[in-house]
PDB file of N, CA and C in Angstrom:
ATOM      1  N   MET A   1      79.091-134.793 165.709  1.00  0.00           N
ATOM      2  CA  MET A   1      79.979-134.618 164.563  1.00  0.00           C
ATOM      3  C   MET A   1      79.426-133.517 163.676  1.00  0.00           C
ATOM      4  N   PHE A   2      80.281-132.653 163.203  1.00  0.00           N
ATOM      5  CA  PHE A   2      79.867-131.520 162.403  1.00  0.00           C
ATOM      6  C   PHE A   2      79.785-131.847 160.914  1.00  0.00           C
ATOM      7  N   GLY A   3      80.494-132.858 160.461  1.00  0.00           N
ATOM      8  CA  GLY A   3      80.467-133.221 159.052  1.00  0.00           C
ATOM      9  C   GLY A   3      81.653-132.684 158.279  1.00  0.00           C
ATOM     10  N   ILE A   4      81.610-132.884 156.989  1.00  0.00           N
ATOM     11  CA  ILE A   4      82.690-132.464 156.099  1.00  0.00           C
ATOM     12  C   ILE A   4      82.552-130.972 155.844  1.00  0.00           C
ATOM     13  N   MET A   5      83.670-130.247 155.932  1.00  0.00           N
ATOM     14  CA  MET A   5      83.661-128.811 155.669  1.00  0.00           C
ATOM     15  C   MET A   5      83.560-128.578 154.170  1.00  0.00           C
ATOM     16  N   GLN A   6      82.629-127.745 153.756  1.00  0.00           N
ATOM     17  CA  GLN A   6      82.440-127.425 152.345  1.00  0.00           C
ATOM     18  C   GLN A   6      82.959-126.036 151.992  1.00  0.00           C
ATOM     19  N   HIS A   7      83.316-125.239 153.002  1.00  0.00           N
ATOM     20  CA  HIS A   7      83.850-123.905 152.754  1.00  0.00           C
ATOM     21  C   HIS A   7      84.752-123.503 153.918  1.00  0.00           C
ATOM     22  N   LEU A   8      85.661-122.590 153.634  1.00  0.00           N
ATOM     23  CA  LEU A   8      86.579-122.074 154.646  1.00  0.00           C
ATOM     24  C   LEU A   8      86.683-120.566 154.496  1.00  0.00           C
ATOM     25  N   SER A   9      86.870-119.889 155.598  1.00  0.00           N
ATOM     26  CA  SER A   9      87.238-118.479 155.561  1.00  0.00           C
ATOM     27  C   SER A   9      88.753-118.445 155.427  1.00  0.00           C
ATOM     28  N   ILE A  10      89.248-117.892 154.335  1.00  0.00           N
ATOM     29  CA  ILE A  10      90.680-117.901 154.067  1.00  0.00           C
ATOM     30  C   ILE A  10      91.217-116.478 154.088  1.00  0.00           C
ATOM     31  N   VAL A  11      92.256-116.253 154.855  1.00  0.00           N
ATOM     32  CA  VAL A  11      92.933-114.960 154.924  1.00  0.00           C
ATOM     33  C   VAL A  11      94.363-115.184 154.439  1.00  0.00           C
ATOM     34  N   LEU A  12      94.743-114.497 153.378  1.00  0.00           N
ATOM     35  CA  LEU A  12      96.101-114.625 152.855  1.00  0.00           C
ATOM     36  C   LEU A  12      96.974-113.522 153.438  1.00  0.00           C
ATOM     37  N   CYS A  13      98.138-113.901 153.937  1.00  0.00           N
ATOM     38  CA  CYS A  13      99.083-112.945 154.521  1.00  0.00           C
ATOM     39  C   CYS A  13     100.450-113.156 153.878  1.00  0.00           C
ATOM     40  N   GLY A  14     101.131-112.054 153.615  1.00  0.00           N
ATOM     41  CA  GLY A  14     102.436-112.125 152.976  1.00  0.00           C
ATOM     42  C   GLY A  14     103.579-112.396 153.923  1.00  0.00           C
ATOM     43  N   SER A  15     103.310-112.276 155.240  1.00  0.00           N
ATOM     44  CA  SER A  15     104.375-112.498 156.216  1.00  0.00           C
ATOM     45  C   SER A  15     103.751-112.827 157.570  1.00  0.00           C
ATOM     46  N   PRO A  16     104.548-113.405 158.476  1.00  0.00           N
ATOM     47  CA  PRO A  16     104.030-113.645 159.827  1.00  0.00           C
ATOM     48  C   PRO A  16     103.573-112.347 160.503  1.00  0.00           C
ATOM     49  N   GLN A  17     104.299-111.260 160.280  1.00  0.00           N
ATOM     50  CA  GLN A  17     103.917-109.994 160.915  1.00  0.00           C
ATOM     51  C   GLN A  17     102.573-109.499 160.398  1.00  0.00           C
ATOM     52  N   GLU A  18     102.319-109.683 159.116  1.00  0.00           N
ATOM     53  CA  GLU A  18     101.028-109.276 158.559  1.00  0.00           C
ATOM     54  C   GLU A  18      99.890-110.080 159.198  1.00  0.00           C
ATOM     55  N   ALA A  19     100.106-111.376 159.416  1.00  0.00           N
ATOM     56  CA  ALA A  19      99.095-112.204 160.078  1.00  0.00           C
ATOM     57  C   ALA A  19      98.827-111.693 161.492  1.00  0.00           C
ATOM     58  N   ILE A  20      99.874-111.366 162.219  1.00  0.00           N
ATOM     59  CA  ILE A  20      99.730-110.832 163.575  1.00  0.00           C
ATOM     60  C   ILE A  20      98.985-109.501 163.536  1.00  0.00           C
ATOM     61  N   ASP A  21      99.340-108.638 162.585  1.00  0.00           N
ATOM     62  CA  ASP A  21      98.692-107.334 162.457  1.00  0.00           C
ATOM     63  C   ASP A  21      97.198-107.471 162.159  1.00  0.00           C
ATOM     64  N   LYS A  22      96.825-108.541 161.466  1.00  0.00           N
ATOM     65  CA  LYS A  22      95.416-108.787 161.162  1.00  0.00           C
ATOM     66  C   LYS A  22      94.693-109.508 162.303  1.00  0.00           C
ATOM     67  N   GLY A  23      95.416-109.775 163.402  1.00  0.00           N
ATOM     68  CA  GLY A  23      94.789-110.399 164.561  1.00  0.00           C
ATOM     69  C   GLY A  23      94.824-111.907 164.566  1.00  0.00           C
ATOM     70  N   TYR A  24      95.749-112.493 163.828  1.00  0.00           N
ATOM     71  CA  TYR A  24      95.820-113.946 163.725  1.00  0.00           C
ATOM     72  C   TYR A  24      97.050-114.548 164.376  1.00  0.00           C
ATOM     73  N   SER A  25      97.497-113.999 165.503  1.00  0.00           N
ATOM     74  CA  SER A  25      98.553-114.701 166.222  1.00  0.00           C
ATOM     75  C   SER A  25      97.904-115.895 166.898  1.00  0.00           C
ATOM     76  N   ALA A  26      98.621-116.962 167.073  1.00  0.00           N
ATOM     77  CA  ALA A  26      98.072-118.259 167.462  1.00  0.00           C
ATOM     78  C   ALA A  26      97.091-118.204 168.632  1.00  0.00           C
ATOM     79  N   LEU A  27      97.473-117.622 169.745  1.00  0.00           N
ATOM     80  CA  LEU A  27      96.607-117.666 170.920  1.00  0.00           C
ATOM     81  C   LEU A  27      95.847-116.370 171.156  1.00  0.00           C
ATOM     82  N   ASP A  28      96.165-115.305 170.413  1.00  0.00           N
ATOM     83  CA  ASP A  28      95.438-114.056 170.597  1.00  0.00           C
ATOM     84  C   ASP A  28      94.078-114.085 169.905  1.00  0.00           C
ATOM     85  N   LYS A  29      93.951-114.849 168.823  1.00  0.00           N
ATOM     86  CA  LYS A  29      92.696-114.893 168.066  1.00  0.00           C
ATOM     87  C   LYS A  29      91.562-115.421 168.937  1.00  0.00           C
ATOM     88  N   TYR A  30      91.831-116.468 169.686  1.00  0.00           N
ATOM     89  CA  TYR A  30      90.839-117.056 170.579  1.00  0.00           C
ATOM     90  C   TYR A  30      91.462-117.106 171.961  1.00  0.00           C
ATOM     91  N   GLU A  31      90.929-116.326 172.866  1.00  0.00           N
ATOM     92  CA  GLU A  31      91.543-116.086 174.165  1.00  0.00           C
ATOM     93  C   GLU A  31      91.910-117.360 174.918  1.00  0.00           C
ATOM     94  N   ASN A  32      91.061-118.359 174.912  1.00  0.00           N
ATOM     95  CA  ASN A  32      91.317-119.583 175.677  1.00  0.00           C
ATOM     96  C   ASN A  32      91.718-120.758 174.789  1.00  0.00           C
ATOM     97  N   ALA A  33      92.243-120.469 173.618  1.00  0.00           N
ATOM     98  CA  ALA A  33      92.609-121.532 172.687  1.00  0.00           C
ATOM     99  C   ALA A  33      93.752-122.368 173.240  1.00  0.00           C
ATOM    100  N   LYS A  34      93.728-123.657 172.907  1.00  0.00           N
ATOM    101  CA  LYS A  34      94.811-124.569 173.277  1.00  0.00           C
ATOM    102  C   LYS A  34      95.552-124.961 172.008  1.00  0.00           C
ATOM    103  N   LEU A  35      96.844-125.102 172.126  1.00  0.00           N
ATOM    104  CA  LEU A  35      97.614-125.581 170.985  1.00  0.00           C
ATOM    105  C   LEU A  35      97.438-127.088 170.864  1.00  0.00           C
ATOM    106  N   VAL A  36      97.340-127.555 169.643  1.00  0.00           N
ATOM    107  CA  VAL A  36      97.230-128.989 169.384  1.00  0.00           C
ATOM    108  C   VAL A  36      98.372-129.405 168.469  1.00  0.00           C
ATOM    109  N   THR A  37      98.698-130.671 168.529  1.00  0.00           N
ATOM    110  CA  THR A  37      99.703-131.249 167.656  1.00  0.00           C
ATOM    111  C   THR A  37      98.994-132.139 166.646  1.00  0.00           C
ATOM    112  N   VAL A  38      99.300-131.944 165.370  1.00  0.00           N
ATOM    113  CA  VAL A  38      98.741-132.821 164.346  1.00  0.00           C
ATOM    114  C   VAL A  38      99.494-134.137 164.420  1.00  0.00           C
ATOM    115  N   LYS A  39      98.770-135.207 164.688  1.00  0.00           N
ATOM    116  CA  LYS A  39      99.374-136.536 164.820  1.00  0.00           C
ATOM    117  C   LYS A  39      99.395-137.272 163.485  1.00  0.00           C
ATOM    118  N   ASP A  40      98.302-137.187 162.760  1.00  0.00           N
ATOM    119  CA  ASP A  40      98.195-137.880 161.474  1.00  0.00           C
ATOM    120  C   ASP A  40      97.347-137.055 160.520  1.00  0.00           C
ATOM    121  N   VAL A  41      97.662-137.152 159.238  1.00  0.00           N
ATOM    122  CA  VAL A  41      96.836-136.598 158.180  1.00  0.00           C
ATOM    123  C   VAL A  41      96.566-137.754 157.223  1.00  0.00           C
ATOM    124  N   VAL A  42      95.285-138.027 156.990  1.00  0.00           N
ATOM    125  CA  VAL A  42      94.905-139.164 156.162  1.00  0.00           C
ATOM    126  C   VAL A  42      94.143-138.661 154.946  1.00  0.00           C
ATOM    127  N   VAL A  43      94.625-138.990 153.765  1.00  0.00           N
ATOM    128  CA  VAL A  43      93.935-138.648 152.524  1.00  0.00           C
ATOM    129  C   VAL A  43      93.130-139.879 152.106  1.00  0.00           C
ATOM    130  N   VAL A  44      91.827-139.692 151.963  1.00  0.00           N
ATOM    131  CA  VAL A  44      90.932-140.792 151.586  1.00  0.00           C
ATOM    132  C   VAL A  44      90.478-140.541 150.150  1.00  0.00           C
ATOM    133  N   LYS A  45      90.852-141.427 149.251  1.00  0.00           N
ATOM    134  CA  LYS A  45      90.622-141.223 147.819  1.00  0.00           C
ATOM    135  C   LYS A  45      89.145-141.025 147.485  1.00  0.00           C
ATOM    136  N   HIS A  46      88.264-141.813 148.043  1.00  0.00           N
ATOM    137  CA  HIS A  46      86.823-141.690 147.793  1.00  0.00           C
ATOM    138  C   HIS A  46      86.125-141.401 149.120  1.00  0.00           C
ATOM    139  N   GLY A  47      86.486-140.278 149.737  1.00  0.00           N
ATOM    140  CA  GLY A  47      86.015-139.973 151.084  1.00  0.00           C
ATOM    141  C   GLY A  47      84.610-139.407 151.179  1.00  0.00           C
ATOM    142  N   THR A  48      84.108-138.835 150.097  1.00  0.00           N
ATOM    143  CA  THR A  48      82.749-138.286 150.132  1.00  0.00           C
ATOM    144  C   THR A  48      81.790-139.232 149.428  1.00  0.00           C
ATOM    145  N   THR A  49      80.502-139.022 149.651  1.00  0.00           N
ATOM    146  CA  THR A  49      79.519-139.864 148.977  1.00  0.00           C
ATOM    147  C   THR A  49      79.574-139.679 147.468  1.00  0.00           C
ATOM    148  N   GLY A  50      80.081-138.522 147.023  1.00  0.00           N
ATOM    149  CA  GLY A  50      80.235-138.266 145.593  1.00  0.00           C
ATOM    150  C   GLY A  50      81.525-138.817 145.016  1.00  0.00           C
ATOM    151  N   GLY A  51      82.354-139.439 145.867  1.00  0.00           N
ATOM    152  CA  GLY A  51      83.583-140.045 145.401  1.00  0.00           C
ATOM    153  C   GLY A  51      84.799-139.137 145.396  1.00  0.00           C
ATOM    154  N   ASN A  52      84.669-137.946 145.986  1.00  0.00           N
ATOM    155  CA  ASN A  52      85.808-137.017 146.022  1.00  0.00           C
ATOM    156  C   ASN A  52      86.731-137.311 147.199  1.00  0.00           C
ATOM    157  N   ARG A  53      87.961-136.813 147.084  1.00  0.00           N
ATOM    158  CA  ARG A  53      88.942-137.003 148.157  1.00  0.00           C
ATOM    159  C   ARG A  53      88.586-136.174 149.379  1.00  0.00           C
ATOM    160  N   THR A  54      88.955-136.700 150.547  1.00  0.00           N
ATOM    161  CA  THR A  54      88.905-135.916 151.774  1.00  0.00           C
ATOM    162  C   THR A  54      90.289-135.961 152.407  1.00  0.00           C
ATOM    163  N   VAL A  55      90.558-134.952 153.211  1.00  0.00           N
ATOM    164  CA  VAL A  55      91.803-134.899 153.977  1.00  0.00           C
ATOM    165  C   VAL A  55      91.383-134.804 155.439  1.00  0.00           C
ATOM    166  N   ASP A  56      91.746-135.833 156.218  1.00  0.00           N
ATOM    167  CA  ASP A  56      91.343-135.936 157.618  1.00  0.00           C
ATOM    168  C   ASP A  56      92.544-135.629 158.506  1.00  0.00           C
ATOM    169  N   PHE A  57      92.389-134.669 159.406  1.00  0.00           N
ATOM    170  CA  PHE A  57      93.455-134.252 160.316  1.00  0.00           C
ATOM    171  C   PHE A  57      93.141-134.770 161.715  1.00  0.00           C
ATOM    172  N   PHE A  58      94.032-135.567 162.286  1.00  0.00           N
ATOM    173  CA  PHE A  58      93.876-136.109 163.629  1.00  0.00           C
ATOM    174  C   PHE A  58      94.879-135.405 164.541  1.00  0.00           C
ATOM    175  N   MET A  59      94.368-134.817 165.635  1.00  0.00           N
ATOM    176  CA  MET A  59      95.199-133.969 166.491  1.00  0.00           C
ATOM    177  C   MET A  59      95.012-134.334 167.954  1.00  0.00           C
ATOM    178  N   GLU A  60      95.954-133.857 168.782  1.00  0.00           N
ATOM    179  CA  GLU A  60      95.896-134.090 170.216  1.00  0.00           C
ATOM    180  C   GLU A  60      96.464-132.868 170.934  1.00  0.00           C
ATOM    181  N   ASP A  61      95.824-132.485 172.068  1.00  0.00           N
ATOM    182  CA  ASP A  61      96.354-131.363 172.838  1.00  0.00           C
ATOM    183  C   ASP A  61      97.253-131.878 173.956  1.00  0.00           C
ATOM    184  N   GLU A  62      97.785-130.941 174.753  1.00  0.00           N
ATOM    185  CA  GLU A  62      98.732-131.298 175.818  1.00  0.00           C
ATOM    186  C   GLU A  62      98.106-132.192 176.889  1.00  0.00           C
ATOM    187  N   GLU A  63      96.784-132.145 177.017  1.00  0.00           N
ATOM    188  CA  GLU A  63      96.090-132.932 178.035  1.00  0.00           C
ATOM    189  C   GLU A  63      95.634-134.290 177.524  1.00  0.00           C
ATOM    190  N   GLY A  64      95.969-134.603 176.282  1.00  0.00           N
ATOM    191  CA  GLY A  64      95.599-135.884 175.709  1.00  0.00           C
ATOM    192  C   GLY A  64      94.242-135.913 175.032  1.00  0.00           C
ATOM    193  N   ASN A  65      93.544-134.761 174.990  1.00  0.00           N
ATOM    194  CA  ASN A  65      92.263-134.702 174.282  1.00  0.00           C
ATOM    195  C   ASN A  65      92.522-134.837 172.793  1.00  0.00           C
ATOM    196  N   LYS A  66      91.665-135.588 172.131  1.00  0.00           N
ATOM    197  CA  LYS A  66      91.847-135.854 170.713  1.00  0.00           C
ATOM    198  C   LYS A  66      90.801-135.090 169.902  1.00  0.00           C
ATOM    199  N   TYR A  67      91.242-134.607 168.739  1.00  0.00           N
ATOM    200  CA  TYR A  67      90.376-133.843 167.856  1.00  0.00           C
ATOM    201  C   TYR A  67      90.584-134.323 166.430  1.00  0.00           C
ATOM    202  N   MET A  68      89.576-134.074 165.602  1.00  0.00           N
ATOM    203  CA  MET A  68      89.682-134.443 164.198  1.00  0.00           C
ATOM    204  C   MET A  68      88.875-133.443 163.388  1.00  0.00           C
ATOM    205  N   PHE A  69      89.407-133.039 162.247  1.00  0.00           N
ATOM    206  CA  PHE A  69      88.574-132.303 161.300  1.00  0.00           C
ATOM    207  C   PHE A  69      88.868-132.800 159.903  1.00  0.00           C
ATOM    208  N   MET A  70      87.885-132.622 159.040  1.00  0.00           N
ATOM    209  CA  MET A  70      87.965-133.154 157.690  1.00  0.00           C
ATOM    210  C   MET A  70      87.606-132.053 156.703  1.00  0.00           C
ATOM    211  N   VAL A  71      88.375-131.941 155.634  1.00  0.00           N
ATOM    212  CA  VAL A  71      88.058-131.035 154.536  1.00  0.00           C
ATOM    213  C   VAL A  71      88.165-131.815 153.234  1.00  0.00           C
ATOM    214  N   THR A  72      87.520-131.300 152.208  1.00  0.00           N
ATOM    215  CA  THR A  72      87.639-131.972 150.921  1.00  0.00           C
ATOM    216  C   THR A  72      88.972-131.612 150.269  1.00  0.00           C
ATOM    217  N   GLY A  73      89.488-132.524 149.502  1.00  0.00           N
ATOM    218  CA  GLY A  73      90.728-132.272 148.775  1.00  0.00           C
ATOM    219  C   GLY A  73      90.573-131.115 147.805  1.00  0.00           C
ATOM    220  N   ASN A  74      89.406-131.018 147.158  1.00  0.00           N
ATOM    221  CA  ASN A  74      89.170-129.928 146.206  1.00  0.00           C
ATOM    222  C   ASN A  74      89.194-128.576 146.908  1.00  0.00           C
ATOM    223  N   LEU A  75      88.694-128.523 148.124  1.00  0.00           N
ATOM    224  CA  LEU A  75      88.716-127.280 148.873  1.00  0.00           C
ATOM    225  C   LEU A  75      90.148-126.835 149.150  1.00  0.00           C
ATOM    226  N   LEU A  76      90.997-127.769 149.542  1.00  0.00           N
ATOM    227  CA  LEU A  76      92.404-127.427 149.790  1.00  0.00           C
ATOM    228  C   LEU A  76      93.104-126.994 148.510  1.00  0.00           C
ATOM    229  N   LYS A  77      92.790-127.659 147.396  1.00  0.00           N
ATOM    230  CA  LYS A  77      93.417-127.304 146.126  1.00  0.00           C
ATOM    231  C   LYS A  77      92.999-125.919 145.658  1.00  0.00           C
ATOM    232  N   SER A  78      91.852-125.438 146.112  1.00  0.00           N
ATOM    233  CA  SER A  78      91.352-124.156 145.645  1.00  0.00           C
ATOM    234  C   SER A  78      91.986-122.963 146.342  1.00  0.00           C
ATOM    235  N   ILE A  79      92.815-123.196 147.371  1.00  0.00           N
ATOM    236  CA  ILE A  79      93.438-122.095 148.109  1.00  0.00           C
ATOM    237  C   ILE A  79      94.483-121.433 147.211  1.00  0.00           C
ATOM    238  N   PRO A  80      94.299-120.145 146.932  1.00  0.00           N
ATOM    239  CA  PRO A  80      95.252-119.455 146.044  1.00  0.00           C
ATOM    240  C   PRO A  80      96.535-119.095 146.790  1.00  0.00           C
ATOM    241  N   CYS A  81      97.637-119.498 146.258  1.00  0.00           N
ATOM    242  CA  CYS A  81      98.932-119.163 146.869  1.00  0.00           C
ATOM    243  C   CYS A  81      99.875-118.622 145.831  1.00  0.00           C
TER     244      CYS A  81
END
């Protein structure tokens, strides 16, 4: 387990074409990437040891492999849009 993410690399794009131009089309960014479906998103009110919220993403790929990642709620709120 990698733990709770405390930082993210964030790239803001004004359009889908701008994202593609920056090299962020879904499968081009990582040559062997698999698409996953988000099955559940769980917000845990006191998810960290400090009592902060976490947002847990539960996903599954086409082969039935399951994945999960967790970020803090404050980290998501800090994304400028």
